[in-house]
Each structure stands twice: as structure tokens, then as C-alpha cells.
Amino acid sequence: MSDLTAATLEYATRLGDDALVLGHRISEWCSNGPFLEEDLALSNVALDYIGRARMYYTYAAELAGGGKTEDDFAYTRDAREFRNLLIHELPRGDFAYTMVRQLLVDVFNLLYLEALTQSADANLAAIAHKAIKETRYHLRRSKEWVLRLGDGTAESHKRTQRAVDALWGYTHELFEIDALEQSLAEVGIGVNNTGLRPAWLAQVSAILSEATLTVPKDDWAVRGGRVGYHTENLGHLLTELQFLHRAYPGLKW
């Protein structure tokens, strides 16, 4: 396997990890939504992310060879082997917390996927073209909810601002890249995340301002997901996500 193939394999796996972990988190709202329509909407968003994870993992499996499948990436790796960004694994929280996280991630994803559609890797570009359609819908929903909650009752405003403050320090990791990502960006395969922050900050700040919410100071940051250092939350999530496959390895429907 060439160095470029190995790097692309790792890159696709990272993006699959991001999608799988956040998709599982959102799926925890299934049957717990504030009302039926929102319960269904959140379940559909979760399925979008799981589908996205499958596309990235399937491509990673093709690059890895040796009979690997998407299930090997999702179900047989331990927490330290996952490379998702930390913001995706944080607990579900209340509804305001979930919607704020979605807003922060959705704005980033739209910018990121727009750039990835221009990838020199045809498979990554194709995945981005499909995922970006879903992301536009995700962003429309999360923006509407943050505006509604932030500029709503005193209680909804308090909870939404609390979520913004709690999540802000995890957003810095969205815009940091390591040597692998830098090398792929230089050959036109990957995205240079660092250049996305100004547009992201402008969009997020405008939405938060309209929602009567305050943009936090950049006075703390948490990182480590891309090198396998995670919060304890990921281990608990994987225990649930991987249980059936690990209990009955190789089982087919």
C-alpha cells in the first residue's frame, strides 16, 4: 500500500468516525423527542449520519483490502482507535444542547463538504456531493431551533446559552489539522480546515446574535480526538453501539 493510499484510508476512516459517533448520539432522541414530528425528524437526521458513515467506511474498506468491510471499522475497534472529533461524542444533553451542537457542526459541515466536493479523489468528492444535500437541510433545522430557543422563554434562553458556553471550547478542534491532513490538502485530496474558521465564525456569530445569545470568549479549548484521546463518553457510547456485533461476531441476518 502506498503512503498516499494509507493516508487516504486514515482520512476516510476519520470522517466515518465523525459521522458514526454523532449519528449514534442523535439516534438517542428516538422515542424521546419533544413531540412526534421532531422525534421523526431527529431520527431521520441520525440515519443521514449513519448512511454517511457507511459511505466513508466502505471506501476505507476498499482501500484497506484483505476482505475488510464497513462493519470492521464500526464494530471491532476500541475507543482509542477511533479518531472522531470530541464534540461529536459528548452526551446528548437536553434539547437545547443537541440543537446548539448541531448548529455548530452543521455550519462547519456545509463549509467542509463544499470544499471536499472539489477533492481530487473521486470517491471522496462523490460522498461530499451526496452529503452536502442532507447538510443543507440539517443546518436549516438547527438554525431555526436555535433562533426559536434562544429568543424564546427565559428558560429556553438560559438553557441555550448554557449549551453554547459548554460547547464552544470543543469547536476549536474542528479547525486544527495534523501532518496527515495537511499532506492530503496539499495534493488536493483533503480539506485545509484552518481556512474555514473565519466564515464559520461569521455565520455562527450572526445566528447567535439573532437568537439573542452571546458568543463566548475563546479562552479554553479541548482537543485530542484525532489522535485517539477521548472523553469517557465515547467508551460508554461504543459499549452500546458495538454490543450485538461483539456478542455475536460474524452474525448475518
Protein backbone atom coordinates (compact mmCIF):
# COMPACT_ATOMS: atom_id res chain seq x y z
CA MET A 1 0.00 0.00 0.00
CA SER A 2 1.43 3.37 -0.99
CA ASP A 3 1.81 6.21 1.52
CA LEU A 4 -0.90 8.18 -0.28
CA THR A 5 -3.34 5.27 -0.16
CA ALA A 6 -2.62 4.72 3.54
CA ALA A 7 -3.19 8.42 4.25
CA THR A 8 -6.46 8.43 2.31
CA LEU A 9 -7.58 5.32 4.18
CA GLU A 10 -6.95 7.04 7.50
CA TYR A 11 -8.67 10.19 6.29
CA ALA A 12 -11.81 8.35 5.18
CA THR A 13 -11.87 6.45 8.47
CA ARG A 14 -11.71 9.69 10.46
CA LEU A 15 -14.63 11.15 8.56
CA GLY A 16 -16.56 7.92 9.03
CA ASP A 17 -15.89 8.04 12.77
CA ASP A 18 -17.21 11.61 12.96
CA ALA A 19 -20.42 10.62 11.19
CA LEU A 20 -20.99 7.36 13.06
CA VAL A 21 -20.49 8.77 16.54
CA LEU A 22 -22.65 11.84 16.02
CA GLY A 23 -25.28 9.77 14.25
CA HIS A 24 -25.48 7.45 17.25
CA ARG A 25 -25.77 10.39 19.61
CA ILE A 26 -28.66 11.88 17.65
CA SER A 27 -30.36 8.47 17.47
CA GLU A 28 -30.68 8.59 21.26
CA TRP A 29 -33.55 11.03 20.73
CA CYS A 30 -35.60 8.32 19.03
CA SER A 31 -38.79 7.98 21.14
CA ASN A 32 -37.52 10.83 23.35
CA GLY A 33 -38.20 13.82 21.11
CA PRO A 34 -40.23 16.75 22.49
CA PHE A 35 -43.09 15.90 20.11
CA LEU A 36 -43.78 13.32 17.41
CA GLU A 37 -42.76 15.36 14.37
CA GLU A 38 -39.43 16.29 15.95
CA ASP A 39 -38.90 12.71 17.09
CA LEU A 40 -39.16 11.59 13.47
CA ALA A 41 -37.01 14.46 12.20
CA LEU A 42 -34.18 13.68 14.60
CA SER A 43 -34.35 10.00 13.72
CA ASN A 44 -34.02 10.89 10.04
CA VAL A 45 -31.03 13.15 10.73
CA ALA A 46 -29.41 10.29 12.65
CA LEU A 47 -29.96 7.98 9.69
CA ASP A 48 -28.35 10.55 7.38
CA TYR A 49 -25.21 10.45 9.50
CA ILE A 50 -25.17 6.66 9.73
CA GLY A 51 -25.53 6.48 5.95
CA ARG A 52 -22.66 8.92 5.58
CA ALA A 53 -20.52 6.81 7.90
CA ARG A 54 -21.25 3.74 5.77
CA MET A 55 -20.05 5.51 2.64
CA TYR A 56 -16.78 6.59 4.24
CA TYR A 57 -16.18 3.19 5.85
CA THR A 58 -17.00 1.32 2.64
CA TYR A 59 -14.39 3.38 0.80
CA ALA A 60 -11.90 2.83 3.63
CA ALA A 61 -12.53 -0.92 3.41
CA GLU A 62 -11.86 -0.87 -0.34
CA LEU A 63 -8.55 0.89 0.27
CA ALA A 64 -7.61 -1.48 3.11
CA GLY A 65 -8.39 -4.65 1.13
CA GLY A 66 -7.99 -8.01 2.79
CA GLY A 67 -11.73 -8.61 2.93
CA LYS A 68 -12.43 -5.74 5.32
CA THR A 69 -15.96 -4.34 5.46
CA GLU A 70 -17.64 -1.28 6.90
CA ASP A 71 -18.59 -3.37 9.95
CA ASP A 72 -14.94 -3.92 10.82
CA PHE A 73 -14.47 -0.16 11.18
CA ALA A 74 -17.68 0.46 13.10
CA TYR A 75 -17.81 -2.53 15.43
CA THR A 76 -14.38 -4.06 16.05
CA ARG A 77 -12.26 -1.09 17.09
CA ASP A 78 -11.85 0.15 20.65
CA ALA A 79 -12.26 3.76 21.76
CA ARG A 80 -8.55 4.59 21.48
CA GLU A 81 -8.67 3.51 17.82
CA PHE A 82 -11.47 5.94 16.95
CA ARG A 83 -10.43 9.28 15.50
CA ASN A 84 -13.63 11.33 15.73
CA LEU A 85 -13.55 14.91 16.94
CA LEU A 86 -14.59 15.24 20.58
CA ILE A 87 -17.63 17.44 20.02
CA HIS A 88 -19.39 14.51 18.36
CA GLU A 89 -19.12 12.14 21.32
CA LEU A 90 -20.34 14.46 24.07
CA PRO A 91 -23.56 13.30 25.79
CA ARG A 92 -26.91 14.05 24.20
CA GLY A 93 -27.84 16.59 26.84
CA ASP A 94 -31.16 18.42 26.74
CA PHE A 95 -32.86 19.51 23.53
CA ALA A 96 -31.18 22.93 23.53
CA TYR A 97 -27.76 21.29 23.89
CA THR A 98 -28.43 18.97 20.96
CA MET A 99 -29.63 21.81 18.72
CA VAL A 100 -26.69 24.06 19.57
CA ARG A 101 -24.22 21.27 18.87
CA GLN A 102 -25.97 20.62 15.57
CA LEU A 103 -25.78 24.27 14.62
CA LEU A 104 -22.05 24.46 15.34
CA VAL A 105 -21.38 21.23 13.46
CA ASP A 106 -23.82 21.89 10.61
CA VAL A 107 -22.27 25.24 9.72
CA PHE A 108 -18.85 23.60 9.73
CA ASN A 109 -20.02 20.60 7.72
CA LEU A 110 -21.53 22.74 4.99
CA LEU A 111 -18.28 24.66 4.54
CA TYR A 112 -16.22 21.47 4.78
CA LEU A 113 -18.29 19.45 2.33
CA GLU A 114 -18.36 22.30 -0.17
CA ALA A 115 -14.57 22.14 -0.17
CA LEU A 116 -14.50 18.32 -0.26
CA THR A 117 -16.66 18.25 -3.39
CA GLN A 118 -13.57 19.62 -5.15
CA SER A 119 -11.37 16.75 -3.93
CA ALA A 120 -9.03 15.13 -6.44
CA ASP A 121 -10.22 11.80 -5.01
CA ALA A 122 -13.36 10.95 -6.98
CA ASN A 123 -14.82 8.78 -4.20
CA LEU A 124 -14.48 11.44 -1.51
CA ALA A 125 -15.88 14.07 -3.86
CA ALA A 126 -18.89 11.85 -4.64
CA ILE A 127 -19.61 11.28 -0.95
CA ALA A 128 -19.40 15.02 -0.33
CA HIS A 129 -21.81 15.77 -3.17
CA LYS A 130 -24.39 13.43 -1.62
CA ALA A 131 -23.83 14.50 1.98
CA ILE A 132 -23.99 18.22 1.28
CA LYS A 133 -27.65 17.95 0.24
CA GLU A 134 -28.50 16.49 3.63
CA THR A 135 -26.36 19.04 5.44
CA ARG A 136 -28.26 21.97 3.96
CA TYR A 137 -31.44 20.51 5.47
CA HIS A 138 -29.70 19.82 8.79
CA LEU A 139 -28.48 23.41 9.02
CA ARG A 140 -31.89 24.86 8.20
CA ARG A 141 -33.38 22.83 11.08
CA SER A 142 -30.70 23.58 13.66
CA LYS A 143 -30.69 27.29 12.83
CA GLU A 144 -34.46 27.55 13.16
CA TRP A 145 -34.39 25.76 16.51
CA VAL A 146 -31.56 27.84 17.97
CA LEU A 147 -33.37 31.03 16.95
CA ARG A 148 -36.59 29.73 18.46
CA LEU A 149 -34.99 28.59 21.71
CA GLY A 150 -32.59 31.49 22.15
CA ASP A 151 -35.21 34.14 21.58
CA GLY A 152 -37.96 32.21 23.35
CA THR A 153 -38.81 31.95 27.01
CA ALA A 154 -36.43 32.85 29.81
CA GLU A 155 -35.91 29.15 30.47
CA SER A 156 -35.19 28.22 26.85
CA HIS A 157 -32.82 31.18 26.51
CA LYS A 158 -30.93 30.16 29.66
CA ARG A 159 -30.57 26.55 28.52
CA THR A 160 -29.47 27.53 25.03
CA GLN A 161 -26.85 29.99 26.25
CA ARG A 162 -25.60 27.38 28.71
CA ALA A 163 -25.19 24.94 25.82
CA VAL A 164 -23.29 27.48 23.71
CA ASP A 165 -20.91 28.16 26.61
CA ALA A 166 -20.40 24.44 27.31
CA LEU A 167 -19.69 23.52 23.68
CA TRP A 168 -17.63 26.45 22.47
CA GLY A 169 -14.28 25.14 23.63
CA TYR A 170 -14.79 21.96 21.62
CA THR A 171 -15.21 23.86 18.35
CA HIS A 172 -11.53 24.80 18.06
CA GLU A 173 -10.66 21.20 17.22
CA LEU A 174 -12.81 21.48 14.08
CA PHE A 175 -10.22 23.77 12.53
CA GLU A 176 -6.99 22.05 13.51
CA ILE A 177 -5.19 19.71 11.13
CA ASP A 178 -2.26 17.39 11.61
CA ALA A 179 0.52 16.37 9.23
CA LEU A 180 -1.61 13.72 7.52
CA GLU A 181 -4.46 16.12 6.76
CA GLN A 182 -2.01 18.79 5.69
CA SER A 183 -0.33 16.42 3.25
CA LEU A 184 -3.67 15.41 1.71
CA ALA A 185 -4.76 19.04 1.44
CA GLU A 186 -1.53 19.87 -0.40
CA VAL A 187 -2.24 17.27 -3.10
CA GLY A 188 -5.88 18.32 -3.45
CA ILE A 189 -7.45 15.30 -1.76
CA GLY A 190 -8.26 16.64 1.70
CA VAL A 191 -9.57 19.92 3.06
CA ASN A 192 -7.49 22.51 4.88
CA ASN A 193 -9.80 23.09 7.82
CA THR A 194 -7.86 26.06 9.16
CA GLY A 195 -9.12 28.27 6.36
CA LEU A 196 -12.76 27.58 7.21
CA ARG A 197 -12.93 29.24 10.62
CA PRO A 198 -13.47 32.88 9.56
CA ALA A 199 -16.56 32.01 7.51
CA TRP A 200 -17.79 29.62 10.21
CA LEU A 201 -17.36 32.20 12.97
CA ALA A 202 -19.12 34.89 10.95
CA GLN A 203 -22.13 32.67 10.24
CA VAL A 204 -22.40 31.27 13.76
CA SER A 205 -21.99 34.69 15.36
CA ALA A 206 -24.73 36.16 13.19
CA ILE A 207 -27.15 33.36 14.11
CA LEU A 208 -26.36 33.56 17.81
CA SER A 209 -26.79 37.33 17.77
CA GLU A 210 -30.18 37.00 16.07
CA ALA A 211 -31.12 34.45 18.74
CA THR A 212 -30.19 36.99 21.47
CA LEU A 213 -27.30 34.76 22.55
CA THR A 214 -23.76 35.77 23.43
CA VAL A 215 -20.74 34.45 21.55
CA PRO A 216 -18.31 33.06 24.17
CA LYS A 217 -14.70 34.11 24.50
CA ASP A 218 -12.01 31.86 23.03
CA ASP A 219 -10.46 31.25 26.45
CA TRP A 220 -10.47 27.44 26.59
CA ALA A 221 -10.12 24.57 24.17
CA VAL A 222 -10.24 20.77 24.33
CA ARG A 223 -8.64 18.54 21.73
CA GLY A 224 -7.29 15.03 21.21
CA GLY A 225 -9.89 13.14 19.20
CA ARG A 226 -7.80 12.81 16.06
CA VAL A 227 -5.03 11.06 17.98
CA GLY A 228 -7.34 8.76 19.95
CA TYR A 229 -7.61 10.70 23.21
CA HIS A 230 -11.30 10.80 24.07
CA THR A 231 -13.67 11.67 26.86
CA GLU A 232 -15.08 8.80 28.88
CA ASN A 233 -18.33 9.28 26.98
CA LEU A 234 -17.05 7.53 23.84
CA GLY A 235 -16.38 4.29 25.69
CA HIS A 236 -19.94 4.20 27.04
CA LEU A 237 -21.32 5.00 23.59
CA LEU A 238 -19.34 2.21 21.92
CA THR A 239 -20.40 -0.28 24.59
CA GLU A 240 -23.97 0.19 23.43
CA LEU A 241 -23.25 0.62 19.71
CA GLN A 242 -20.99 -2.42 19.39
CA PHE A 243 -22.63 -4.83 21.85
CA LEU A 244 -24.59 -7.00 19.43
CA HIS A 245 -21.77 -7.40 16.92
CA ARG A 246 -19.24 -8.26 19.61
CA ALA A 247 -21.65 -10.69 21.32
CA TYR A 248 -22.35 -12.48 18.03
CA PRO A 249 -19.33 -11.85 15.78
CA GLY A 250 -19.94 -12.53 12.12
CA LEU A 251 -23.69 -12.99 12.60
CA LYS A 252 -25.74 -12.36 9.46
CA TRP A 253 -29.42 -11.53 9.25
